[in-house]
Structures are given as structure tokens and as C-alpha cells.
Amino acid sequence: MNKRIKILYVEMAHGMGGSLVSLHQLLRGLDRERYEPIVLFYWDIPYIQRFRELGVETIVWSGPRQEGDSPVPVPLPTAVNHLRQQGSRLRRLEAQRSLRKLYHAAGFYARTLFQTLPLALRIRRLVRSRGVDIVHANDLVVCNREVIMAARMSSRPCICHIRAFESYTPLDRFLAQFVDRFIFISLCIAQDSIRQGAEPTKGTVIYNALDLAEFLQSYDDGAERARLGLAPDDRVVGILGRLVPWKGHRVFLEAMARVARQVPNLRCLIVGDAAPGEQAYRAELEALARDLGLGERCKFLGWRSDVPALLSVMDVLVHASLDPEPFGRVLIEGMAAAKPVVAADGGACPEIIEHGVSGLLVPPGEAQALADAVAGLLGDPDRLHTMGIMARHQAEARFSIDEHVRQVERVYEELLGRGGVAP
């Protein structure tokens, strides 16, 4: 039997997020007869237990970039204070800008020298001690500088799994040339990364995936509605995601206030919560819902682990992000649950939603357009049902875990075939 290929995955998420879920799903389906995964976590988070339940070796460094591990910033030169007291305001501002640029540049190089490089050496030791064959960085180049350095110093192939938009510094453009393969989660992310300096011939688009069976098995038999205090004839519209301004919850509420004028039995489910220390934003949204007359119609459910069950009671799922979405996992979750998705027309959404077939696309930030799309679907049950069925079919064809794993394993095989690692 051939030796299994050891792959070191580096995950830097310090809380629940799409990169964690996607990596967990990849390792669930990975061919363990051929590959042996090892996951390095930068933070000791509860979700790690799910990886251990898969029988995956996990290594936790408990936040090597926490305060105390980074170099202490050097105070701005005292000349800044002197400039504040002398000369014209314009000259003062220009001098301060120059000094601040110098300060930030010095801080960047200090972090590289005193934090990034030591971490790279630490990862290199791990690569060598564990006999790692491939290094798979589970996020951006910007987040994985030390990982790329470590792979280079260890003469191991490096993959960067690009999951968001990023801005390359000169150092990142330099390091990107040492990445052997890029995996982009969407075409829009690929285009953005290539524009930054990623080599097009090294990249491939592999969409995120999900376990379709979880959503197929969940259906509303009335019990879930009863648990949520919903009547059988209520029309339910939901939005899933973190409570952060760019996710567009304000636009969602403004749109639902308009839909409520046409749909008396409208109910809204807001699934997700603000991060610890940012609960004021949730309070603002709850106040806005009351001000818009939606107080009795809206339920703020917080973080939930039963998303398939919640989707089963919804008639329509809304995605209202104001900024371009790198992928949008909630889109394919809604599709897998056979729900039409009304999504903001930006980022990767047009790649996932086929307008008029599996969902509807509306201009970002336009509450009236969102309201019209949702009200139109609620007022046309046949179209709503047909669109949901088409969404499910497209999810099965394009976003299954099996297909996702097969494509990632193909990237590994291509690296092996190039002689980067002996099979």
C-alpha cells in the first residue's frame, strides 16, 4: 500500500465562519486511504471538536497573534506634537501624514520581522516533524504570509484557498509567486486576486459546497412553525447571517415594512447575531423593526444550529448584502432547501443565482426593489414553488460535497503529478 499523502491545513478563524465549515466538509469527504489531514488551528475554539470527531489530528496554538505576541507599536515621533504647535495647518497635516505613513510602514516591517518570520520558522518545524507533503492555507495570502514562507523554506507545495476579497501589499505580491496553486471560491474572487497579482495559470475556481441531505431531510410538517409561534397560514421571509451593517439588515427591515402593507400575515425571521461586544447593533435593528411597525412580525432568533429546520418554514430567503459577497453560503443553503432566494446583485451572487429561474437578483441597498421581488413571489405561489424546485436541482448539480471534494483532490493530484511530492 502506498504511503498516504500528509496535508497540513492551516485555519486561522477565531470564531464560527464559512472557512471552518467548508474545511470541515472537505475533510469529511476526503479520501483517507490516500490522504492524511492534519489541521493547525490558531485559536482554541469549540468547533475544533468536530474535526476531532472525524479522527483528524488537530494542533492548537492558542492565538499566536494575540496581543502580547505582536511587537509593541512604537509611539509616533515627538516631532508630530511639535508640528501641532507650529507652522500652518496645511504643513502640519502634510507632515503628520508623512510621519504616519512612515510609522505604519515601520510597523509593517517590524511585524514581518518579529512576528511573521518567527511563525514561519515554527510552521516549518511542524512541517518537517510531521513529514507534511502539501501545505494548504485555508484563507487569503494576506492572512497566510508565514504559511507561504514556511512552505517555501520547507520545499513543499503550497495551496492558498482564497475565500474573500483582499488587497496585496508589495510583500504579498512577492509571496504570491511562491504559491503553487490558488483555489478561488468564486469567479469574482478569482478575477480580484488575479488583478492583485495572483498568477492566472495557477488558479482554479471551486465553489463551496454543503451536505444536501441535511436540507432534503428537513421539511415543515407544522411542528417547527408551532415551536416558533407561527400560524399555518403565515407567510415567512427570512434572512441569515451575522448582524453586521454590510449584511444589509436595515434594508431588509425597510423592505419588509413595505411588503407587510400587501401581505397582512407576513412574518420575518432574522437568524444570526452580533459578535460579543457589538450587541448595540442588534439593539438598533430591534428598535428599527419596532419603529417600522414590524415589532410583532419579526423574530430575532440569534445564532442557531438548526438552519435546515428554520429554512423549512420559510417561503422566501433574502440575501441583502450591501458590499459584494465573496460567495454567500446562505444562498446555496436556501437553494438546497428548495427555497427561492432574493439576493443582492453583486459579488458572486449572479454566479450562484440564475435570475428568474432559481431566484431573483435585485440592486444592492434598494429596499423598494427588494420589497417588490419578495411581494411578487409571495403573491404567486405557483412561481414560488417552481423556482424553489429549480433552486434545489441547481444546488444538487453544482454544490454537492462529493463534487467539491473531487475537484480539490484533483488539485492535489496535479501537484503530485508535477513532481512537487512523490506519490
Protein backbone atom coordinates (compact mmCIF):
# COMPACT_ATOMS: atom_id res chain seq x y z
CA MET A 1 0.00 0.00 0.00
CA ASN A 2 1.35 3.44 -0.98
CA LYS A 3 2.17 5.94 1.75
CA ARG A 4 -0.64 8.38 2.43
CA ILE A 5 -0.01 11.97 1.45
CA LYS A 6 0.10 14.22 4.50
CA ILE A 7 -1.60 17.56 4.07
CA LEU A 8 -1.24 20.35 6.63
CA TYR A 9 -4.28 22.61 6.67
CA VAL A 10 -3.81 25.97 8.43
CA GLU A 11 -7.01 27.54 9.79
CA MET A 12 -6.82 30.97 11.42
CA ALA A 13 -10.51 31.59 12.17
CA HIS A 14 -11.08 32.68 15.76
CA GLY A 15 -14.83 32.12 15.65
CA MET A 16 -17.59 30.45 13.68
CA GLY A 17 -17.33 31.19 9.97
CA GLY A 18 -17.57 29.88 6.45
CA SER A 19 -13.92 28.82 6.19
CA LEU A 20 -14.31 26.49 9.19
CA VAL A 21 -17.50 24.92 7.87
CA SER A 22 -16.08 24.49 4.39
CA LEU A 23 -12.87 22.90 5.67
CA HIS A 24 -14.83 20.52 7.91
CA GLN A 25 -16.96 19.43 4.96
CA LEU A 26 -13.88 18.92 2.79
CA LEU A 27 -12.25 16.66 5.39
CA ARG A 28 -15.48 14.70 5.86
CA GLY A 29 -15.30 13.64 2.23
CA LEU A 30 -11.52 13.44 1.74
CA ASP A 31 -10.19 10.05 0.63
CA ARG A 32 -8.46 8.91 3.82
CA GLU A 33 -6.83 5.96 2.09
CA ARG A 34 -4.81 8.37 0.00
CA TYR A 35 -4.61 11.49 2.17
CA GLU A 36 -3.82 12.08 5.83
CA PRO A 37 -5.06 15.50 7.01
CA ILE A 38 -3.52 17.48 9.87
CA VAL A 39 -5.16 20.76 10.88
CA LEU A 40 -3.30 23.59 12.60
CA PHE A 41 -5.65 25.99 14.39
CA TYR A 42 -4.51 29.41 15.53
CA TRP A 43 -7.30 29.65 18.11
CA ASP A 44 -8.75 27.16 20.58
CA ILE A 45 -12.41 27.29 19.54
CA PRO A 46 -15.28 24.86 20.27
CA TYR A 47 -15.70 23.89 16.61
CA ILE A 48 -12.37 22.03 16.75
CA GLN A 49 -14.17 19.15 18.45
CA ARG A 50 -16.00 18.43 15.19
CA PHE A 51 -12.68 17.87 13.46
CA ARG A 52 -11.55 15.54 16.23
CA GLU A 53 -14.75 13.55 15.83
CA LEU A 54 -13.67 12.92 12.23
CA GLY A 55 -10.46 11.34 13.54
CA VAL A 56 -8.36 14.22 12.22
CA GLU A 57 -5.16 15.20 14.02
CA THR A 58 -5.56 18.73 15.32
CA ILE A 59 -2.89 21.10 16.62
CA VAL A 60 -3.87 24.25 18.50
CA TRP A 61 -1.54 27.19 19.03
CA SER A 62 -3.98 29.28 21.09
CA GLY A 63 -3.79 32.54 19.21
CA PRO A 64 -0.14 33.15 18.28
CA ARG A 65 -1.14 36.60 17.02
CA GLN A 66 -2.92 37.69 20.19
CA GLU A 67 -1.90 40.89 21.93
CA GLY A 68 1.33 40.11 23.66
CA ASP A 69 2.66 38.04 20.77
CA SER A 70 2.95 41.05 18.46
CA PRO A 71 5.64 43.70 18.76
CA VAL A 72 4.52 46.76 20.71
CA PRO A 73 3.92 49.71 18.31
CA VAL A 74 6.48 52.48 18.61
CA PRO A 75 4.85 55.81 19.57
CA LEU A 76 4.71 58.47 16.88
CA PRO A 77 7.78 60.67 16.86
CA THR A 78 7.59 63.59 19.21
CA ALA A 79 8.05 65.82 16.17
CA VAL A 80 4.33 65.36 15.48
CA ASN A 81 3.43 67.11 18.72
CA HIS A 82 5.90 69.84 17.91
CA LEU A 83 4.33 70.31 14.47
CA ARG A 84 0.89 70.65 16.02
CA GLN A 85 2.08 73.79 17.78
CA GLN A 86 3.94 75.47 14.93
CA GLY A 87 3.56 76.44 11.31
CA SER A 88 0.48 76.48 9.09
CA ARG A 89 -2.29 73.93 9.42
CA LEU A 90 -1.62 72.60 5.94
CA ARG A 91 2.05 71.97 6.61
CA ARG A 92 1.17 70.36 9.92
CA LEU A 93 -1.24 67.96 8.24
CA GLU A 94 1.15 67.08 5.44
CA ALA A 95 3.96 66.41 7.89
CA GLN A 96 1.70 64.27 10.05
CA ARG A 97 0.56 62.25 7.02
CA SER A 98 4.15 61.60 6.02
CA LEU A 99 5.11 60.59 9.55
CA ARG A 100 2.06 58.35 9.87
CA LYS A 101 2.93 56.62 6.60
CA LEU A 102 6.44 56.11 7.86
CA TYR A 103 5.07 54.85 11.19
CA HIS A 104 2.74 52.33 9.55
CA ALA A 105 5.47 51.18 7.18
CA ALA A 106 7.85 50.69 10.11
CA GLY A 107 5.14 48.77 11.96
CA PHE A 108 4.54 46.53 8.94
CA TYR A 109 8.21 45.64 8.60
CA ALA A 110 8.52 45.15 12.36
CA ARG A 111 5.60 42.71 12.34
CA THR A 112 7.14 40.87 9.42
CA LEU A 113 10.49 40.58 11.16
CA PHE A 114 9.36 39.91 14.72
CA GLN A 115 6.07 38.05 14.20
CA THR A 116 5.64 36.66 10.68
CA LEU A 117 9.15 35.26 10.26
CA PRO A 118 9.25 33.52 13.67
CA LEU A 119 5.84 31.97 12.96
CA ALA A 120 7.11 30.80 9.56
CA LEU A 121 10.04 29.08 11.23
CA ARG A 122 7.68 27.48 13.74
CA ILE A 123 5.43 26.16 10.94
CA ARG A 124 8.49 24.90 9.07
CA ARG A 125 9.45 22.84 12.12
CA LEU A 126 5.94 21.44 12.20
CA VAL A 127 6.03 20.56 8.50
CA ARG A 128 9.30 18.73 8.92
CA SER A 129 8.45 16.94 12.18
CA ARG A 130 5.13 15.66 10.83
CA GLY A 131 6.50 14.74 7.39
CA VAL A 132 3.99 17.01 5.64
CA ASP A 133 3.81 16.72 1.84
CA ILE A 134 1.45 19.59 0.93
CA VAL A 135 0.60 22.79 2.81
CA HIS A 136 -2.98 24.02 2.35
CA ALA A 137 -3.58 27.55 3.67
CA ASN A 138 -7.33 27.87 4.20
CA ASP A 139 -7.63 31.59 3.52
CA LEU A 140 -6.08 34.69 1.96
CA VAL A 141 -2.48 35.38 1.02
CA VAL A 142 -2.57 38.38 3.38
CA CYS A 143 -3.56 36.10 6.29
CA ASN A 144 -1.08 33.36 5.45
CA ARG A 145 2.23 35.09 4.85
CA GLU A 146 4.06 32.90 7.36
CA VAL A 147 2.42 29.77 5.92
CA ILE A 148 3.65 30.56 2.41
CA MET A 149 7.12 31.34 3.78
CA ALA A 150 7.18 28.07 5.74
CA ALA A 151 6.16 26.00 2.71
CA ARG A 152 8.84 27.70 0.63
CA MET A 153 11.53 27.16 3.27
CA SER A 154 10.46 23.51 3.55
CA SER A 155 10.39 22.97 -0.24
CA ARG A 156 6.74 21.86 -0.01
CA PRO A 157 3.96 22.77 -2.45
CA CYS A 158 1.63 25.46 -1.09
CA ILE A 159 -2.07 25.99 -1.83
CA CYS A 160 -3.91 29.18 -0.89
CA HIS A 161 -7.69 28.79 -0.65
CA ILE A 162 -8.85 32.36 -1.35
CA ARG A 163 -12.19 32.99 0.38
CA ALA A 164 -12.57 36.78 0.32
CA PHE A 165 -11.51 39.96 -1.40
CA GLU A 166 -8.09 41.21 -0.36
CA SER A 167 -5.56 43.94 -1.09
CA TYR A 168 -1.99 42.83 -1.74
CA THR A 169 0.94 44.72 -0.32
CA PRO A 170 4.27 44.54 -2.18
CA LEU A 171 5.22 41.71 0.20
CA ASP A 172 2.03 39.81 -0.69
CA ARG A 173 2.70 40.19 -4.41
CA PHE A 174 6.19 38.84 -3.79
CA LEU A 175 4.92 35.89 -1.72
CA ALA A 176 2.13 35.08 -4.19
CA GLN A 177 4.71 33.90 -6.72
CA PHE A 178 5.64 31.08 -4.32
CA VAL A 179 2.05 29.79 -4.07
CA ASP A 180 1.83 26.69 -6.25
CA ARG A 181 -1.94 26.70 -6.62
CA PHE A 182 -4.78 29.06 -5.79
CA ILE A 183 -8.28 27.78 -5.12
CA PHE A 184 -10.85 30.56 -5.56
CA ILE A 185 -14.34 30.15 -4.08
CA SER A 186 -15.93 32.14 -6.92
CA LEU A 187 -15.14 33.68 -10.26
CA CYS A 188 -15.38 37.21 -8.86
CA ILE A 189 -12.77 36.32 -6.22
CA ALA A 190 -10.54 34.83 -8.94
CA GLN A 191 -10.77 38.00 -11.01
CA ASP A 192 -9.99 40.17 -8.00
CA SER A 193 -6.99 38.07 -6.96
CA ILE A 194 -5.57 37.97 -10.47
CA ARG A 195 -5.93 41.74 -10.65
CA GLN A 196 -3.91 41.90 -7.41
CA GLY A 197 -1.10 39.79 -8.84
CA ALA A 198 -2.06 36.11 -8.50
CA GLU A 199 -0.83 34.08 -11.48
CA PRO A 200 -3.89 33.07 -13.58
CA THR A 201 -2.38 29.75 -14.70
CA LYS A 202 -2.03 28.66 -11.06
CA GLY A 203 -5.68 29.20 -10.16
CA THR A 204 -8.93 27.27 -10.31
CA VAL A 205 -12.46 28.13 -9.20
CA ILE A 206 -14.02 25.58 -6.85
CA TYR A 207 -17.32 26.62 -5.34
CA ASN A 208 -18.13 25.95 -1.70
CA ALA A 209 -20.48 23.05 -1.06
CA LEU A 210 -22.83 21.61 1.53
CA ASP A 211 -24.42 18.36 2.62
CA LEU A 212 -27.58 18.37 0.54
CA ALA A 213 -29.06 15.51 2.55
CA GLU A 214 -29.29 17.71 5.66
CA PHE A 215 -31.62 20.10 3.85
CA LEU A 216 -33.60 17.46 2.00
CA GLN A 217 -34.43 15.65 5.23
CA SER A 218 -35.73 18.80 6.93
CA TYR A 219 -39.24 19.78 5.99
CA ASP A 220 -42.01 21.68 7.70
CA ASP A 221 -44.69 19.34 8.99
CA GLY A 222 -46.11 22.08 11.20
CA ALA A 223 -44.08 21.24 14.29
CA GLU A 224 -41.30 23.77 13.60
CA ARG A 225 -43.82 26.52 12.93
CA ALA A 226 -45.53 25.74 16.19
CA ARG A 227 -42.22 25.93 18.06
CA LEU A 228 -41.59 29.35 16.54
CA GLY A 229 -45.09 30.58 17.30
CA LEU A 230 -46.05 30.82 13.63
CA ALA A 231 -49.55 30.15 12.30
CA PRO A 232 -50.03 27.63 9.46
CA ASP A 233 -51.08 30.37 7.03
CA ASP A 234 -48.30 32.85 7.89
CA ARG A 235 -46.05 33.87 5.01
CA VAL A 236 -42.49 33.69 6.27
CA VAL A 237 -39.47 35.57 4.90
CA GLY A 238 -36.06 35.03 6.46
CA ILE A 239 -32.55 36.42 6.40
CA LEU A 240 -29.50 34.51 7.67
CA GLY A 241 -26.11 35.88 8.60
CA ARG A 242 -24.03 37.83 11.09
CA LEU A 243 -25.56 41.06 12.33
CA VAL A 244 -23.08 43.47 10.79
CA PRO A 245 -24.04 46.60 8.83
CA TRP A 246 -22.75 45.43 5.43
CA LYS A 247 -25.09 42.41 5.51
CA GLY A 248 -27.98 44.80 4.84
CA HIS A 249 -30.38 44.00 7.68
CA ARG A 250 -31.62 47.60 7.72
CA VAL A 251 -32.55 47.36 4.05
CA PHE A 252 -34.25 44.03 4.76
CA LEU A 253 -36.40 45.55 7.51
CA GLU A 254 -37.30 48.59 5.42
CA ALA A 255 -38.32 46.30 2.56
CA MET A 256 -40.37 44.02 4.82
CA ALA A 257 -42.26 47.03 6.19
CA ARG A 258 -43.39 47.69 2.62
CA VAL A 259 -44.23 44.05 1.95
CA ALA A 260 -46.35 43.98 5.13
CA ARG A 261 -48.72 46.52 3.57
CA GLN A 262 -49.57 43.95 0.89
CA VAL A 263 -49.21 40.75 2.92
CA PRO A 264 -51.08 41.05 6.25
CA ASN A 265 -49.88 37.66 7.52
CA LEU A 266 -46.18 38.38 6.85
CA ARG A 267 -43.68 37.14 9.42
CA CYS A 268 -39.89 37.73 9.39
CA LEU A 269 -37.12 35.56 10.84
CA ILE A 270 -33.73 37.16 11.48
CA VAL A 271 -31.24 34.34 12.07
CA GLY A 272 -27.79 35.32 13.32
CA ASP A 273 -26.35 37.64 15.91
CA ALA A 274 -23.81 40.37 16.50
CA ALA A 275 -20.37 39.48 17.77
CA PRO A 276 -19.65 39.80 21.50
CA GLY A 277 -19.13 43.44 22.33
CA GLU A 278 -21.18 44.56 19.31
CA GLN A 279 -24.66 43.83 20.64
CA ALA A 280 -25.58 47.51 20.32
CA TYR A 281 -26.12 46.91 16.61
CA ARG A 282 -28.66 44.18 17.31
CA ALA A 283 -30.47 46.56 19.66
CA GLU A 284 -30.52 49.17 16.88
CA LEU A 285 -32.10 46.68 14.48
CA GLU A 286 -34.71 45.63 17.02
CA ALA A 287 -35.57 49.29 17.59
CA LEU A 288 -35.80 49.87 13.83
CA ALA A 289 -38.18 46.91 13.49
CA ARG A 290 -40.44 48.43 16.15
CA ASP A 291 -40.28 51.89 14.55
CA LEU A 292 -41.29 50.38 11.19
CA GLY A 293 -44.27 48.64 12.74
CA LEU A 294 -42.69 45.20 12.45
CA GLY A 295 -42.26 44.54 16.15
CA GLU A 296 -44.86 41.76 16.31
CA ARG A 297 -43.93 40.39 12.91
CA CYS A 298 -40.16 39.98 13.45
CA LYS A 299 -38.36 37.33 15.44
CA PHE A 300 -34.66 37.83 16.19
CA LEU A 301 -33.52 34.25 16.73
CA GLY A 302 -29.80 34.77 17.33
CA TRP A 303 -27.26 32.10 16.45
CA ARG A 304 -28.93 28.80 15.56
CA SER A 305 -27.52 25.37 14.73
CA ASP A 306 -30.80 24.16 13.16
CA VAL A 307 -30.64 26.18 9.96
CA PRO A 308 -32.19 23.42 7.77
CA ALA A 309 -35.22 23.27 10.07
CA LEU A 310 -35.57 27.05 10.05
CA LEU A 311 -35.34 27.19 6.26
CA SER A 312 -38.10 24.60 6.04
CA VAL A 313 -40.65 27.09 7.45
CA MET A 314 -39.60 29.96 5.16
CA ASP A 315 -41.34 30.82 1.93
CA VAL A 316 -38.54 33.09 0.71
CA LEU A 317 -34.92 33.59 1.81
CA VAL A 318 -33.41 37.06 1.42
CA HIS A 319 -29.75 37.98 0.95
CA ALA A 320 -29.38 41.76 1.30
CA SER A 321 -25.62 42.42 1.48
CA LEU A 322 -24.57 45.95 0.58
CA ASP A 323 -20.99 45.02 -0.30
CA PRO A 324 -20.03 42.37 -2.87
CA GLU A 325 -20.36 38.89 -1.40
CA PRO A 326 -17.31 36.64 -1.97
CA PHE A 327 -19.59 33.60 -2.17
CA GLY A 328 -22.58 33.55 0.17
CA ARG A 329 -23.07 30.14 1.77
CA VAL A 330 -26.60 31.05 2.82
CA LEU A 331 -27.53 31.25 -0.87
CA ILE A 332 -26.83 27.60 -1.52
CA GLU A 333 -28.37 26.62 1.82
CA GLY A 334 -31.62 28.24 0.73
CA MET A 335 -31.40 26.59 -2.68
CA ALA A 336 -30.75 23.19 -1.11
CA ALA A 337 -33.88 23.67 0.99
CA ALA A 338 -35.86 24.31 -2.23
CA LYS A 339 -36.48 27.96 -1.37
CA PRO A 340 -36.26 30.79 -3.88
CA VAL A 341 -33.60 33.30 -2.86
CA VAL A 342 -33.94 37.02 -3.46
CA ALA A 343 -30.34 38.25 -3.46
CA ALA A 344 -28.37 41.45 -3.91
CA ASP A 345 -26.94 41.55 -7.42
CA GLY A 346 -23.25 41.81 -6.61
CA GLY A 347 -20.13 39.78 -5.96
CA ALA A 348 -20.67 36.05 -6.50
CA CYS A 349 -24.47 36.15 -6.24
CA PRO A 350 -25.03 36.25 -10.04
CA GLU A 351 -22.77 33.19 -10.34
CA ILE A 352 -24.96 31.23 -7.93
CA ILE A 353 -28.49 32.53 -8.53
CA GLU A 354 -29.94 32.24 -12.02
CA HIS A 355 -32.23 35.25 -12.16
CA GLY A 356 -35.84 34.31 -12.78
CA VAL A 357 -35.09 30.59 -12.57
CA SER A 358 -33.67 29.69 -9.15
CA GLY A 359 -34.19 33.09 -7.53
CA LEU A 360 -34.27 36.81 -8.15
CA LEU A 361 -31.48 39.42 -8.18
CA VAL A 362 -32.10 43.00 -7.06
CA PRO A 363 -29.85 46.06 -6.85
CA PRO A 364 -27.94 46.19 -3.54
CA GLY A 365 -29.31 48.62 -0.98
CA GLU A 366 -32.63 49.29 -2.76
CA ALA A 367 -35.41 48.47 -0.31
CA GLN A 368 -38.22 49.07 -2.81
CA ALA A 369 -36.74 46.65 -5.37
CA LEU A 370 -36.30 44.04 -2.65
CA ALA A 371 -39.87 44.56 -1.45
CA ASP A 372 -41.27 44.26 -4.97
CA ALA A 373 -39.38 41.00 -5.60
CA VAL A 374 -40.49 39.39 -2.32
CA ALA A 375 -44.10 40.55 -2.59
CA GLY A 376 -44.24 39.31 -6.18
CA LEU A 377 -43.17 35.81 -5.15
CA LEU A 378 -45.50 35.67 -2.15
CA GLY A 379 -48.35 36.72 -4.42
CA ASP A 380 -47.63 33.97 -6.97
CA PRO A 381 -47.49 30.59 -5.14
CA ASP A 382 -47.02 28.59 -8.34
CA ARG A 383 -43.98 30.61 -9.40
CA LEU A 384 -42.61 30.49 -5.87
CA HIS A 385 -42.90 26.69 -5.77
CA THR A 386 -41.43 26.18 -9.25
CA MET A 387 -38.50 28.49 -8.51
CA GLY A 388 -37.79 26.58 -5.28
CA ILE A 389 -37.71 23.26 -7.12
CA MET A 390 -35.33 24.67 -9.72
CA ALA A 391 -33.12 26.04 -6.94
CA ARG A 392 -32.88 22.57 -5.40
CA HIS A 393 -31.99 20.99 -8.75
CA GLN A 394 -29.24 23.53 -9.34
CA ALA A 395 -27.86 23.02 -5.84
CA GLU A 396 -27.68 19.27 -6.46
CA ALA A 397 -25.92 19.77 -9.77
CA ARG A 398 -23.39 22.40 -8.70
CA PHE A 399 -22.80 22.45 -4.94
CA SER A 400 -22.61 18.90 -3.65
CA ILE A 401 -19.84 17.92 -1.23
CA ASP A 402 -18.82 14.97 -3.39
CA GLU A 403 -18.17 17.22 -6.38
CA HIS A 404 -16.35 19.78 -4.23
CA VAL A 405 -14.04 17.15 -2.71
CA ARG A 406 -13.37 15.60 -6.11
CA GLN A 407 -12.23 18.94 -7.51
CA VAL A 408 -9.96 19.71 -4.54
CA GLU A 409 -8.41 16.25 -4.72
CA ARG A 410 -7.75 16.87 -8.40
CA VAL A 411 -5.69 19.93 -7.39
CA TYR A 412 -3.67 17.71 -5.04
CA GLU A 413 -3.14 15.16 -7.80
CA GLU A 414 -1.97 17.83 -10.21
CA LEU A 415 0.58 18.99 -7.66
CA LEU A 416 1.74 15.43 -7.12
CA GLY A 417 1.97 14.84 -10.85
CA ARG A 418 4.18 17.88 -11.28
CA GLY A 419 6.83 16.28 -9.13
CA GLY A 420 6.26 18.53 -6.15
CA VAL A 421 5.69 15.46 -3.99
CA ALA A 422 6.48 11.85 -4.76
CA PRO A 423 3.27 9.77 -4.79
